[in-house]
């Protein structure tokens, strides 16, 4: 087994974040959502109803439902895939498979193009590609996450986790700047059609994602097979593994409290990041030329936020830091309901950037620290973590879409999300007190 804290291995692991965050930035956060809203909305009448396999939806509601369905499929698939990878010790192979699926699907979005003025193009094929890109991204990430305890010792995991997120932010920022250059200066590249620069950016994601993924594919360890511990069918074994993990979690009060809080605040965090561009484009009518630079600024602030969060966790501890971050998210989500113009959105976006990467990074490393020591393979425990996170996204997207469908306003959906943040905050505060009580009890036992 390869020694932990190897600089080259950690660098290769971080480069996977550098590669795959291009999808997160271009496809889920900026260019595709803006492109989708624009070409599925009648620019004269602002009519936003579309058809998907013969059924009528509001355009953004449909997008939330499709993305939510993709995450639901991931939740159902991951236990099976993790079990197979754990059994054969070939999680790198699954990392490669899902990366190819996601990247090729982004390339497929190039053929999502307008068919005429104020005519909505067929949405079935592009939204299938959109869903498959999400499945590829998420599927790869669970195997990527499971490498963390394998490549870094416990005391280094906060820093390595934050480093991965920072690489992701910087990588996505570089690609987004390149895409922005193509979109804002199309004549430099001989582009005439208004839709072509955005579509080319989808191809650029494919090239970036696959090109830089070659580094982790070559340098990360394969993983250790655990055939001996499986005495059941590997197709059902993943669900049994998750059930086994759940039994263990129930016996660990602190980890159980953390996962409960994590689920609720993740409903809010993940959903807001996925629908922010839709909200700005549809509710505030912020154009692509303004919105993309704003989100670029979020990425820059996000790099500093992830780094600063790691330092805060070193000084104050993970849980206390999470209490502060979730408190900010709770207030911020409430204020989003009242956002009505570009400067207000920009101010909210800067705060989002500051806490976005930090809460993700510290959540991942906090979970890793709560895991029992000397686990032979971490894939099952990180599968449980990812299932928890992806389930929260499913709930968030379907709730967000349903509230918009019923009320007709996306800002009402944001208000409902704030309730999830509030519950997550209460549970995190309870964890803080429980952790203090546990440390006091341990100190008493040692002293006695």
Protein backbone atom coordinates (compact mmCIF):
# COMPACT_ATOMS: atom_id res chain seq x y z
CA UNK A 1 0.00 0.00 0.00
CA UNK A 2 1.35 3.43 -0.97
CA UNK A 3 2.48 5.70 1.87
CA UNK A 4 0.12 8.52 2.81
CA UNK A 5 0.87 12.24 2.40
CA UNK A 6 2.81 11.66 -0.81
CA UNK A 7 3.00 15.08 -2.48
CA UNK A 8 2.74 13.74 -6.02
CA UNK A 9 -0.29 11.58 -5.21
CA UNK A 10 -2.06 14.46 -3.44
CA UNK A 11 -1.32 16.74 -6.39
CA UNK A 12 -2.80 14.16 -8.78
CA UNK A 13 -5.88 13.87 -6.55
CA UNK A 14 -6.33 17.65 -6.55
CA UNK A 15 -5.97 17.75 -10.34
CA UNK A 16 -9.14 15.69 -10.64
CA UNK A 17 -10.97 18.57 -8.94
CA UNK A 18 -9.17 20.97 -11.32
CA UNK A 19 -10.53 18.92 -14.23
CA UNK A 20 -14.11 18.10 -13.27
CA UNK A 21 -15.13 21.44 -11.79
CA UNK A 22 -15.24 22.72 -15.37
CA UNK A 23 -18.55 20.84 -15.62
CA UNK A 24 -19.84 22.35 -12.41
CA UNK A 25 -18.98 25.88 -13.51
CA UNK A 26 -20.05 25.90 -17.15
CA UNK A 27 -22.87 23.34 -17.27
CA UNK A 28 -24.64 23.69 -13.93
CA UNK A 29 -23.68 27.20 -12.76
CA UNK A 30 -23.27 29.65 -15.62
CA UNK A 31 -23.38 29.21 -19.38
CA UNK A 32 -25.77 26.29 -19.87
CA UNK A 33 -28.47 27.51 -17.41
CA UNK A 34 -28.41 31.00 -18.98
CA UNK A 35 -28.42 29.54 -22.49
CA UNK A 36 -31.27 27.18 -21.58
CA UNK A 37 -33.47 29.89 -20.03
CA UNK A 38 -32.88 32.25 -22.98
CA UNK A 39 -33.71 29.75 -25.73
CA UNK A 40 -36.71 28.27 -23.93
CA UNK A 41 -38.31 31.66 -23.19
CA UNK A 42 -40.15 33.77 -25.73
CA UNK A 43 -38.15 37.01 -25.65
CA UNK A 44 -41.18 39.09 -26.75
CA UNK A 45 -43.90 37.69 -24.50
CA UNK A 46 -41.70 36.09 -21.79
CA UNK A 47 -43.76 32.90 -22.19
CA UNK A 48 -41.76 30.17 -20.42
CA UNK A 49 -43.78 26.98 -20.95
CA UNK A 50 -42.06 24.08 -22.72
CA UNK A 51 -42.88 20.49 -23.68
CA UNK A 52 -40.91 17.41 -22.67
CA UNK A 53 -42.07 14.04 -24.03
CA UNK A 54 -45.51 15.55 -24.59
CA UNK A 55 -45.92 17.06 -21.11
CA UNK A 56 -45.96 20.82 -20.42
CA UNK A 57 -43.73 22.44 -17.79
CA UNK A 58 -42.33 25.83 -16.85
CA UNK A 59 -38.83 25.79 -18.34
CA UNK A 60 -36.93 26.18 -15.06
CA UNK A 61 -39.21 23.74 -13.25
CA UNK A 62 -38.44 21.14 -15.92
CA UNK A 63 -34.72 21.77 -15.53
CA UNK A 64 -34.96 21.29 -11.75
CA UNK A 65 -36.92 18.07 -12.21
CA UNK A 66 -34.47 16.65 -14.78
CA UNK A 67 -31.47 17.45 -12.59
CA UNK A 68 -33.26 16.09 -9.52
CA UNK A 69 -34.05 12.86 -11.40
CA UNK A 70 -30.38 12.52 -12.36
CA UNK A 71 -29.34 12.83 -8.74
CA UNK A 72 -32.03 10.33 -7.72
CA UNK A 73 -30.61 7.83 -10.21
CA UNK A 74 -27.15 8.44 -8.77
CA UNK A 75 -28.46 7.71 -5.28
CA UNK A 76 -29.84 4.37 -6.51
CA UNK A 77 -26.74 3.43 -8.55
CA UNK A 78 -23.94 4.36 -6.18
CA UNK A 79 -24.43 1.51 -3.67
CA UNK A 80 -24.19 -1.04 -6.49
CA UNK A 81 -21.19 0.56 -8.14
CA UNK A 82 -19.35 1.13 -4.88
CA UNK A 83 -19.87 -2.49 -3.90
CA UNK A 84 -18.41 -3.73 -7.18
CA UNK A 85 -15.46 -1.35 -6.96
CA UNK A 86 -14.85 -2.31 -3.32
CA UNK A 87 -15.03 -6.02 -4.17
CA UNK A 88 -12.51 -5.82 -6.99
CA UNK A 89 -10.47 -2.88 -5.70
CA UNK A 90 -10.82 -1.05 -9.03
CA UNK A 91 -12.37 2.24 -8.02
CA UNK A 92 -10.02 4.03 -10.41
CA UNK A 93 -11.69 2.22 -13.32
CA UNK A 94 -15.09 3.54 -12.23
CA UNK A 95 -13.57 6.98 -11.80
CA UNK A 96 -12.53 6.77 -15.45
CA UNK A 97 -15.87 5.41 -16.65
CA UNK A 98 -17.95 8.16 -15.08
CA UNK A 99 -15.53 10.84 -16.21
CA UNK A 100 -15.88 9.72 -19.83
CA UNK A 101 -19.68 9.60 -19.48
CA UNK A 102 -19.85 13.11 -18.06
CA UNK A 103 -17.39 14.69 -20.47
CA UNK A 104 -18.91 13.12 -23.59
CA UNK A 105 -22.39 14.24 -22.49
CA UNK A 106 -21.14 17.82 -22.20
CA UNK A 107 -19.85 17.52 -25.76
CA UNK A 108 -23.31 16.28 -26.79
CA UNK A 109 -24.84 19.56 -25.61
CA UNK A 110 -23.12 21.25 -28.56
CA UNK A 111 -26.05 20.09 -30.72
CA UNK A 112 -28.61 21.88 -28.53
CA UNK A 113 -29.26 24.83 -30.82
CA UNK A 114 -32.17 27.15 -31.69
CA UNK A 115 -34.37 26.24 -34.65
CA UNK A 116 -35.91 29.67 -35.27
CA UNK A 117 -36.76 32.98 -33.64
CA UNK A 118 -38.83 32.46 -30.46
CA UNK A 119 -39.21 28.76 -31.29
CA UNK A 120 -38.23 26.37 -28.49
CA UNK A 121 -35.91 23.64 -29.83
CA UNK A 122 -36.66 19.98 -29.02
CA UNK A 123 -35.55 19.41 -25.41
CA UNK A 124 -35.61 15.64 -25.04
CA UNK A 125 -32.08 14.82 -26.27
CA UNK A 126 -30.25 17.84 -24.78
CA UNK A 127 -31.83 17.33 -21.37
CA UNK A 128 -30.90 13.64 -21.47
CA UNK A 129 -27.30 14.71 -22.15
CA UNK A 130 -27.66 17.24 -19.32
CA UNK A 131 -28.76 14.47 -16.93
CA UNK A 132 -26.01 12.07 -18.07
CA UNK A 133 -23.37 14.78 -17.57
CA UNK A 134 -24.59 15.15 -13.99
CA UNK A 135 -24.51 11.37 -13.43
CA UNK A 136 -20.96 11.22 -14.79
CA UNK A 137 -19.79 14.08 -12.58
CA UNK A 138 -21.41 12.73 -9.41
CA UNK A 139 -20.48 9.12 -10.08
CA UNK A 140 -16.83 10.03 -10.42
CA UNK A 141 -16.89 12.20 -7.32
CA UNK A 142 -17.84 9.41 -4.92
CA UNK A 143 -14.76 7.42 -5.91
CA UNK A 144 -12.65 10.57 -5.84
CA UNK A 145 -13.83 11.39 -2.30
CA UNK A 146 -13.07 7.86 -1.11
CA UNK A 147 -9.37 8.41 -1.88
CA UNK A 148 -9.01 11.09 0.84
CA UNK A 149 -8.31 8.83 3.86
CA UNK A 150 -6.22 6.58 1.60
CA UNK A 151 -3.81 9.35 0.53
CA UNK A 152 -3.71 11.60 3.63
CA UNK A 153 -3.29 11.01 7.36
CA UNK A 154 -5.98 12.25 9.73
CA UNK A 155 -4.22 15.49 10.69
CA UNK A 156 -3.63 16.37 7.02
CA UNK A 157 -7.13 15.69 5.71
CA UNK A 158 -8.51 19.21 6.36
CA UNK A 159 -5.68 20.79 4.40
CA UNK A 160 -5.78 18.24 1.57
CA UNK A 161 -9.57 18.53 1.28
CA UNK A 162 -9.37 22.32 1.13
CA UNK A 163 -6.53 22.09 -1.38
CA UNK A 164 -8.70 19.94 -3.64
CA UNK A 165 -11.50 22.48 -3.56
CA UNK A 166 -9.08 25.34 -4.24
CA UNK A 167 -7.67 23.51 -7.25
CA UNK A 168 -11.24 23.01 -8.46
CA UNK A 169 -12.11 26.68 -8.10
CA UNK A 170 -8.96 27.87 -9.84
CA UNK A 171 -9.31 25.33 -12.65
CA UNK A 172 -12.93 26.18 -13.30
CA UNK A 173 -12.06 29.88 -13.13
CA UNK A 174 -9.40 29.52 -15.84
CA UNK A 175 -11.76 27.61 -18.15
CA UNK A 176 -14.60 30.03 -17.47
CA UNK A 177 -12.37 32.95 -18.46
CA UNK A 178 -11.55 31.17 -21.71
CA UNK A 179 -15.26 30.52 -22.36
CA UNK A 180 -16.10 34.13 -21.49
CA UNK A 181 -13.52 35.31 -24.01
CA UNK A 182 -15.16 33.19 -26.73
CA UNK A 183 -18.64 34.45 -25.79
CA UNK A 184 -17.81 38.16 -25.49
CA UNK A 185 -15.33 38.33 -28.39
CA UNK A 186 -16.76 35.83 -30.91
CA UNK A 187 -15.43 37.74 -33.91
CA UNK A 188 -11.87 37.06 -32.73
CA UNK A 189 -12.57 33.40 -33.46
CA UNK A 190 -14.59 33.92 -36.64
CA UNK A 191 -17.91 33.11 -34.94
CA UNK A 192 -21.06 34.75 -36.31
CA UNK A 193 -24.07 32.88 -34.91
CA UNK A 194 -25.23 34.16 -31.52
CA UNK A 195 -25.66 30.65 -30.14
CA UNK A 196 -22.36 29.17 -31.35
CA UNK A 197 -19.99 30.66 -28.71
CA UNK A 198 -22.03 29.14 -25.87
CA UNK A 199 -22.23 25.79 -27.63
CA UNK A 200 -18.48 25.80 -28.21
CA UNK A 201 -18.01 26.29 -24.46
CA UNK A 202 -19.74 22.93 -23.94
CA UNK A 203 -17.10 21.32 -26.16
CA UNK A 204 -14.38 23.14 -24.23
CA UNK A 205 -15.63 21.48 -21.02
CA UNK A 206 -15.17 18.08 -22.67
CA UNK A 207 -11.59 18.85 -23.70
CA UNK A 208 -10.65 20.36 -20.32
CA UNK A 209 -12.32 17.66 -18.21
CA UNK A 210 -10.84 14.71 -20.09
CA UNK A 211 -7.46 16.33 -20.76
CA UNK A 212 -6.57 17.06 -17.14
CA UNK A 213 -8.17 13.85 -15.83
CA UNK A 214 -5.34 11.92 -17.47
CA UNK A 215 -3.10 13.04 -14.56
CA UNK A 216 -5.10 11.37 -11.73
CA UNK A 217 -5.87 8.40 -13.98
CA UNK A 218 -2.13 7.71 -14.24
CA UNK A 219 -0.93 8.63 -10.76
CA UNK A 220 -3.65 7.69 -8.27
CA UNK A 221 -3.42 4.21 -6.71
CA UNK A 222 -5.83 1.58 -7.96
CA UNK A 223 -7.35 0.64 -4.60
CA UNK A 224 -7.23 -2.53 -2.55
CA UNK A 225 -9.60 -5.45 -3.40
CA UNK A 226 -11.74 -6.78 -0.56
CA UNK A 227 -13.16 -9.96 -2.06
CA UNK A 228 -12.82 -11.81 1.19
CA UNK A 229 -15.32 -9.71 3.11
CA UNK A 230 -18.16 -10.22 0.61
CA UNK A 231 -20.31 -13.29 1.13
CA UNK A 232 -23.25 -11.93 -0.87
CA UNK A 233 -24.07 -10.83 -4.41
CA UNK A 234 -22.11 -7.67 -5.22
CA UNK A 235 -25.16 -6.25 -7.04
CA UNK A 236 -27.09 -6.17 -3.77
CA UNK A 237 -24.04 -5.95 -1.56
CA UNK A 238 -23.80 -2.17 -1.81
CA UNK A 239 -27.20 -1.74 -0.18
CA UNK A 240 -26.22 -4.21 2.52
CA UNK A 241 -22.99 -2.28 3.01
CA UNK A 242 -24.94 0.95 3.40
CA UNK A 243 -27.28 -0.75 5.86
CA UNK A 244 -24.20 -1.94 7.75
CA UNK A 245 -22.75 1.57 7.73
CA UNK A 246 -26.08 2.94 8.97
CA UNK A 247 -26.02 0.47 11.87
CA UNK A 248 -22.54 1.66 12.76
CA UNK A 249 -23.54 5.31 12.42
CA UNK A 250 -26.42 4.80 14.83
CA UNK A 251 -23.89 3.65 17.44
CA UNK A 252 -21.78 6.80 16.94
CA UNK A 253 -23.73 9.74 18.44
CA UNK A 254 -21.49 12.49 17.09
CA UNK A 255 -21.36 11.15 13.54
CA UNK A 256 -25.12 10.60 13.58
CA UNK A 257 -25.74 14.19 14.66
CA UNK A 258 -23.31 15.51 12.06
CA UNK A 259 -24.95 13.60 9.19
CA UNK A 260 -28.41 14.79 10.24
CA UNK A 261 -27.30 18.41 10.17
CA UNK A 262 -25.30 17.85 6.98
CA UNK A 263 -28.38 16.53 5.17
CA UNK A 264 -30.53 19.55 5.99
CA UNK A 265 -28.04 22.31 5.28
CA UNK A 266 -26.92 20.49 2.12
CA UNK A 267 -30.49 20.72 0.80
CA UNK A 268 -30.03 24.48 0.85
CA UNK A 269 -26.36 24.81 -0.13
CA UNK A 270 -26.42 22.43 -3.09
CA UNK A 271 -29.76 23.64 -4.46
CA UNK A 272 -28.82 27.31 -4.31
CA UNK A 273 -25.59 26.66 -6.18
CA UNK A 274 -27.47 24.72 -8.87
CA UNK A 275 -30.27 27.24 -9.45
CA UNK A 276 -28.56 30.60 -8.82
CA UNK A 277 -27.99 31.33 -12.51
CA UNK A 278 -31.59 30.44 -13.35
CA UNK A 279 -32.80 32.77 -10.60
CA UNK A 280 -30.65 35.68 -11.80
CA UNK A 281 -31.59 35.17 -15.44
CA UNK A 282 -35.31 34.64 -14.93
CA UNK A 283 -36.27 36.65 -11.85
CA UNK A 284 -33.81 39.55 -12.20
CA UNK A 285 -33.31 39.47 -16.00
CA UNK A 286 -29.54 39.70 -15.61
CA UNK A 287 -27.87 39.14 -18.97
CA UNK A 288 -25.10 36.67 -19.77
CA UNK A 289 -22.46 39.40 -20.15
CA UNK A 290 -23.13 40.58 -16.58
CA UNK A 291 -23.91 37.30 -14.87
CA UNK A 292 -20.86 35.31 -15.98
CA UNK A 293 -18.35 37.89 -14.60
CA UNK A 294 -20.28 37.95 -11.31
CA UNK A 295 -19.98 34.19 -10.99
CA UNK A 296 -16.30 34.40 -11.90
CA UNK A 297 -15.86 36.73 -8.93
CA UNK A 298 -17.66 34.13 -6.78
CA UNK A 299 -15.03 31.58 -7.83
CA UNK A 300 -12.16 33.91 -6.89
CA UNK A 301 -13.74 34.59 -3.51
CA UNK A 302 -14.40 30.85 -3.17
CA UNK A 303 -10.69 30.06 -3.36
CA UNK A 304 -9.99 32.45 -0.48
CA UNK A 305 -13.04 31.11 1.36
CA UNK A 306 -11.89 27.48 1.20
CA UNK A 307 -8.40 28.46 2.40
CA UNK A 308 -9.76 30.69 5.17
CA UNK A 309 -12.15 28.01 6.36
CA UNK A 310 -9.29 25.52 6.75
CA UNK A 311 -7.47 28.07 8.92
CA UNK A 312 -10.57 28.78 10.99
CA UNK A 313 -11.14 25.07 11.57
CA UNK A 314 -7.53 24.74 12.80
CA UNK A 315 -8.14 27.55 15.30
CA UNK A 316 -11.74 26.94 16.41
CA UNK A 317 -12.45 23.33 15.41
CA UNK A 318 -14.57 21.93 12.60
CA UNK A 319 -17.96 22.00 14.29
CA UNK A 320 -17.72 25.55 15.61
CA UNK A 321 -16.60 26.68 12.14
CA UNK A 322 -19.56 24.89 10.56
CA UNK A 323 -21.95 26.60 12.98
CA UNK A 324 -20.65 29.95 11.76
CA UNK A 325 -20.86 29.00 8.07
CA UNK A 326 -24.37 27.55 8.27
CA UNK A 327 -25.50 30.64 10.22
CA UNK A 328 -24.32 32.82 7.34
CA UNK A 329 -26.08 30.59 4.80
CA UNK A 330 -29.32 30.77 6.81
CA UNK A 331 -29.35 34.57 6.87
CA UNK A 332 -28.25 34.78 3.25
CA UNK A 333 -31.00 32.49 1.94
CA UNK A 334 -33.60 34.58 3.76
CA UNK A 335 -32.24 37.77 2.18
CA UNK A 336 -32.36 36.22 -1.32
CA UNK A 337 -36.15 36.46 -1.15
CA UNK A 338 -35.81 40.26 -1.13
CA UNK A 339 -33.12 40.58 -3.83
CA UNK A 340 -34.54 42.68 -6.67
CA UNK A 341 -31.64 44.09 -8.71
CA UNK A 342 -28.13 43.38 -9.97
CA UNK A 343 -26.14 45.16 -7.20
CA UNK A 344 -28.06 43.25 -4.52
CA UNK A 345 -27.50 39.97 -6.35
CA UNK A 346 -23.80 40.79 -6.67
CA UNK A 347 -23.50 41.47 -2.93
CA UNK A 348 -25.26 38.18 -2.12
CA UNK A 349 -23.07 36.36 -4.65
CA UNK A 350 -19.84 37.57 -3.00
CA UNK A 351 -21.02 36.23 0.37
CA UNK A 352 -22.01 32.93 -1.29
CA UNK A 353 -18.52 32.69 -2.74
CA UNK A 354 -16.93 33.22 0.66
CA UNK A 355 -18.87 30.39 2.32
CA UNK A 356 -19.53 28.07 -0.63
CA UNK A 357 -16.23 26.21 -0.87
CA UNK A 358 -15.61 26.41 2.84
CA UNK A 359 -18.75 24.59 3.88
CA UNK A 360 -18.19 21.82 1.31
CA UNK A 361 -14.53 21.35 2.18
CA UNK A 362 -14.97 21.34 5.95
CA UNK A 363 -18.01 19.05 5.72
CA UNK A 364 -16.04 16.44 3.79
CA UNK A 365 -13.06 16.53 6.16
CA UNK A 366 -15.30 16.57 9.27
CA UNK A 367 -17.01 13.41 8.09
CA UNK A 368 -13.63 11.82 7.38
CA UNK A 369 -12.46 12.63 10.93
CA UNK A 370 -15.53 11.04 12.49
CA UNK A 371 -14.95 7.73 10.67
CA UNK A 372 -13.73 4.76 12.71
CA UNK A 373 -9.95 4.25 12.42
CA UNK A 374 -8.31 1.55 10.31
CA UNK A 375 -11.12 0.97 7.83
CA UNK A 376 -9.77 -1.48 5.19
CA UNK A 377 -11.58 0.34 2.37
CA UNK A 378 -13.36 3.68 2.77
CA UNK A 379 -15.58 3.36 -0.32
CA UNK A 380 -18.65 2.15 1.60
CA UNK A 381 -18.48 4.94 4.20
CA UNK A 382 -17.95 7.58 1.53
CA UNK A 383 -20.74 6.07 -0.51
CA UNK A 384 -22.98 6.63 2.50
CA UNK A 385 -21.76 10.23 2.70
CA UNK A 386 -22.42 10.80 -0.99
CA UNK A 387 -25.82 9.13 -0.84
CA UNK A 388 -26.70 11.49 2.02
CA UNK A 389 -25.52 14.52 0.06
CA UNK A 390 -27.13 13.47 -3.24
CA UNK A 391 -30.40 12.65 -1.47
CA UNK A 392 -30.41 16.18 -0.07
CA UNK A 393 -29.99 17.54 -3.60
CA UNK A 394 -32.90 15.42 -4.85
CA UNK A 395 -35.11 16.81 -2.07
CA UNK A 396 -33.90 20.36 -2.66
CA UNK A 397 -34.41 20.38 -6.44
CA UNK A 398 -37.83 18.77 -6.35
CA UNK A 399 -39.00 21.06 -3.53
CA UNK A 400 -37.59 24.09 -5.36
CA UNK A 401 -39.28 23.09 -8.63
CA UNK A 402 -42.59 22.19 -6.98
CA UNK A 403 -42.83 25.46 -5.04
CA UNK A 404 -42.10 27.43 -8.23
CA UNK A 405 -44.66 25.39 -10.17
CA UNK A 406 -47.34 26.04 -7.53
CA UNK A 407 -46.54 29.68 -6.75
CA UNK A 408 -45.09 30.86 -10.06
CA UNK A 409 -42.10 32.55 -8.36
CA UNK A 410 -38.59 31.19 -7.81
CA UNK A 411 -38.02 33.51 -4.85
CA UNK A 412 -40.77 31.64 -2.97
CA UNK A 413 -38.74 28.47 -3.48
CA UNK A 414 -35.71 30.19 -1.96
CA UNK A 415 -37.77 31.10 1.10
CA UNK A 416 -38.76 27.47 1.60
CA UNK A 417 -35.10 26.40 1.31
CA UNK A 418 -34.26 28.67 4.23
CA UNK A 419 -36.27 26.36 6.47
CA UNK A 420 -33.84 23.55 5.68
CA UNK A 421 -30.90 25.79 6.59
CA UNK A 422 -32.55 26.65 9.90
CA UNK A 423 -33.03 22.98 10.82
CA UNK A 424 -29.43 22.20 9.80
CA UNK A 425 -28.16 25.04 11.97
CA UNK A 426 -30.12 23.88 15.02
CA UNK A 427 -28.78 20.33 14.60
CA UNK A 428 -25.20 21.61 14.18
CA UNK A 429 -25.46 23.64 17.39
CA UNK A 430 -26.73 20.50 19.12
CA UNK A 431 -23.68 18.65 17.78
CA UNK A 432 -21.40 21.36 19.16
CA UNK A 433 -22.82 20.90 22.66
CA UNK A 434 -22.75 17.10 22.33
CA UNK A 435 -19.09 17.21 21.29
CA UNK A 436 -18.19 19.42 24.25
CA UNK A 437 -20.02 17.06 26.59
CA UNK A 438 -18.22 14.06 25.09
CA UNK A 439 -14.81 15.71 25.54
CA UNK A 440 -15.62 16.63 29.15
CA UNK A 441 -16.68 13.07 29.88
CA UNK A 442 -13.47 11.72 28.29
CA UNK A 443 -11.39 14.19 30.33
CA UNK A 444 -13.13 13.04 33.52
CA UNK A 445 -12.44 9.40 32.73
CA UNK A 446 -8.76 10.10 32.01
CA UNK A 447 -8.41 12.16 35.16
CA UNK A 448 -10.11 9.48 37.22
